[in-house]
Protein backbone atom coordinates (compact mmCIF):
# COMPACT_ATOMS: atom_id res chain seq x y z
CA UNK A 1 139.09 201.89 134.40
CA UNK A 2 136.15 203.35 132.57
CA UNK A 3 133.45 203.37 135.27
CA UNK A 4 131.15 205.96 133.72
CA UNK A 5 130.49 208.01 130.61
CA UNK A 6 132.46 211.25 130.97
CA UNK A 7 134.17 213.93 128.97
CA UNK A 8 137.83 213.10 128.46
CA UNK A 9 139.24 216.55 127.83
CA UNK A 10 136.86 219.07 129.40
CA UNK A 11 138.11 222.48 130.42
CA UNK A 12 135.86 222.90 133.47
CA UNK A 13 133.86 220.56 135.72
CA UNK A 14 130.78 219.15 134.04
CA UNK A 15 127.30 220.41 134.74
CA UNK A 16 125.95 217.03 133.60
CA UNK A 17 127.50 214.77 136.25
CA UNK A 18 129.26 215.07 139.60
CA UNK A 19 132.89 214.24 140.13
CA UNK A 20 135.58 213.72 137.57
CA UNK A 21 138.42 216.04 136.74
CA UNK A 22 138.84 218.96 134.39
CA UNK A 23 141.81 220.88 133.05
CA UNK A 24 140.88 223.79 135.33
CA UNK A 25 140.81 221.60 138.45
CA UNK A 26 144.10 220.00 137.49
CA UNK A 27 145.78 223.37 136.95
CA UNK A 28 144.45 224.59 140.29
CA UNK A 29 145.70 221.45 142.07
CA UNK A 30 149.20 221.69 140.60
CA UNK A 31 149.38 225.42 141.33
CA UNK A 32 148.22 224.83 144.93
CA UNK A 33 151.01 222.26 145.16
CA UNK A 34 153.60 224.89 144.30
CA UNK A 35 153.97 224.60 140.52
CA UNK A 36 154.20 227.96 138.73
CA UNK A 37 151.37 228.36 136.24
CA UNK A 38 153.73 229.37 133.43
CA UNK A 39 155.19 225.85 133.64
CA UNK A 40 151.82 224.19 133.09
CA UNK A 41 150.46 223.18 129.70
CA UNK A 42 146.93 221.89 129.06
CA UNK A 43 145.87 219.55 126.31
CA UNK A 44 143.32 219.34 123.56
CA UNK A 45 142.19 216.19 121.82
CA UNK A 46 142.01 215.80 118.06
CA UNK A 47 140.14 212.54 118.62
CA UNK A 48 137.14 211.37 120.59
CA UNK A 49 135.84 208.41 122.56
CA UNK A 50 132.64 206.60 121.72
CA UNK A 51 130.32 204.78 124.09
CA UNK A 52 127.30 202.54 123.52
CA UNK A 53 124.69 203.81 125.97
CA UNK A 54 121.05 203.57 126.98
CA UNK A 55 118.66 206.23 128.23
CA UNK A 56 117.94 209.84 127.52
CA UNK A 57 120.82 211.33 129.50
CA UNK A 58 124.06 209.46 128.76
CA UNK A 59 126.65 211.76 130.39
CA UNK A 60 127.59 210.47 133.81
CA UNK A 61 125.97 207.10 133.18
CA UNK A 62 127.54 204.43 135.42
CA UNK A 63 125.60 201.38 134.26
CA UNK A 64 124.49 199.87 130.96
CA UNK A 65 127.22 201.36 128.81
CA UNK A 66 130.13 199.98 126.88
CA UNK A 67 133.24 201.89 125.91
CA UNK A 68 133.66 201.89 122.16
CA UNK A 69 136.56 202.93 120.01
CA UNK A 70 138.52 206.11 119.59
CA UNK A 71 137.54 208.18 116.57
CA UNK A 72 139.56 210.70 114.58
CA UNK A 73 138.17 214.25 114.61
CA UNK A 74 138.04 214.14 110.82
CA UNK A 75 135.58 211.23 111.14
CA UNK A 76 133.63 212.82 114.00
CA UNK A 77 133.23 215.96 111.89
CA UNK A 78 131.35 213.97 109.23
CA UNK A 79 128.81 212.95 111.89
CA UNK A 80 127.73 216.59 112.36
CA UNK A 81 125.69 216.17 109.15
CA UNK A 82 121.95 216.23 109.75
CA UNK A 83 121.37 212.88 108.06
CA UNK A 84 123.81 211.02 110.34
CA UNK A 85 121.28 210.72 113.16
CA UNK A 86 123.64 212.38 115.61
CA UNK A 87 122.80 215.64 117.34
CA UNK A 88 125.48 217.99 118.62
CA UNK A 89 125.19 218.99 122.29
CA UNK A 90 127.37 221.22 124.44
CA UNK A 91 127.92 220.84 128.16
CA UNK A 92 128.20 224.59 128.76
CA UNK A 93 129.65 224.22 132.27
CA UNK A 94 132.39 221.87 131.05
CA UNK A 95 132.86 223.82 127.81
CA UNK A 96 132.78 220.49 126.01
CA UNK A 97 130.75 219.16 123.07
CA UNK A 98 129.38 215.70 122.48
CA UNK A 99 127.36 213.93 119.82
CA UNK A 100 124.44 211.66 120.72
CA UNK A 101 122.02 209.63 118.62
CA UNK A 102 120.04 207.79 121.30
CA UNK A 103 122.34 204.75 121.29
CA UNK A 104 125.87 206.11 120.96
CA UNK A 105 127.62 209.11 122.47
CA UNK A 106 130.88 210.55 121.17
CA UNK A 107 132.96 212.73 123.48
CA UNK A 108 135.50 215.05 121.79
CA UNK A 109 136.95 218.56 121.48
CA UNK A 110 135.75 220.85 118.69
CA UNK A 111 136.97 224.24 117.50
CA UNK A 112 134.99 226.11 120.19
CA UNK A 113 136.31 223.89 122.99
CA UNK A 114 139.89 224.47 121.81
CA UNK A 115 139.39 228.24 121.51
CA UNK A 116 138.05 228.22 125.08
CA UNK A 117 141.19 226.38 126.18
CA UNK A 118 143.44 228.92 124.46
CA UNK A 119 141.63 231.74 126.27
CA UNK A 120 142.05 229.86 129.55
CA UNK A 121 145.79 229.55 128.87
CA UNK A 122 146.06 233.32 128.41
CA UNK A 123 143.73 234.18 131.30
CA UNK A 124 145.61 231.96 133.76
CA UNK A 125 149.14 232.67 132.51
CA UNK A 126 149.84 229.06 131.58
CA UNK A 127 152.80 227.85 129.56
CA UNK A 128 150.68 226.82 126.61
CA UNK A 129 148.41 224.29 125.00
CA UNK A 130 149.32 221.02 123.31
CA UNK A 131 147.23 218.57 121.34
CA UNK A 132 147.21 214.94 120.32
CA UNK A 133 147.39 214.09 117.48
CA UNK A 134 147.99 216.37 114.50
CA UNK A 135 146.99 213.89 111.79
CA UNK A 136 143.56 213.27 113.37
CA UNK A 137 142.29 216.57 111.90
CA UNK A 138 142.72 216.28 108.13
CA UNK A 139 140.99 219.60 107.43
CA UNK A 140 143.16 221.64 109.81
CA UNK A 141 140.02 223.06 111.46
CA UNK A 142 141.25 222.43 115.01
CA UNK A 143 144.76 223.81 114.45
CA UNK A 144 143.16 226.88 112.86
CA UNK A 145 140.90 227.31 115.92
CA UNK A 146 143.90 227.24 118.26
CA UNK A 147 145.92 229.62 116.07
CA UNK A 148 142.96 231.97 115.56
CA UNK A 149 142.19 232.22 119.28
CA UNK A 150 145.86 232.81 120.10
CA UNK A 151 146.16 235.47 117.40
CA UNK A 152 143.15 237.35 118.82
CA UNK A 153 144.80 237.37 122.24
CA UNK A 154 148.07 238.66 120.80
CA UNK A 155 146.47 241.73 119.17
């Protein structure tokens, strides 16, 4: 059930709305339940969710929104252009980006969000990172971000 506008793949809890889950909280919960961290893998999304919204502050909105469609990252990336009407925002607490144009919000992972997740994997001794779905990033930008962050940690 989609009862509010939220990030779908955030690393940490959001600073924009209360509640919800994050990869960090999930890792902590599984570890507290006895699962070794090296057996845990977190995920990144090569796609995003769109919502039709109202108001100036769409994250966390519980009323007057409609869940839209999933969008490939390769399509989302084209919306970064200045003439698209979308503006890129970053929920710094959640380490998650979103695009907003006053009527529509798109929640997704970008290269920075995925690099942050790779660093989290190394910092917490996790088993790794996975993503869905490879063909959603035609340019290879997101795979390169994951590989680049991992390579920096290996040096």
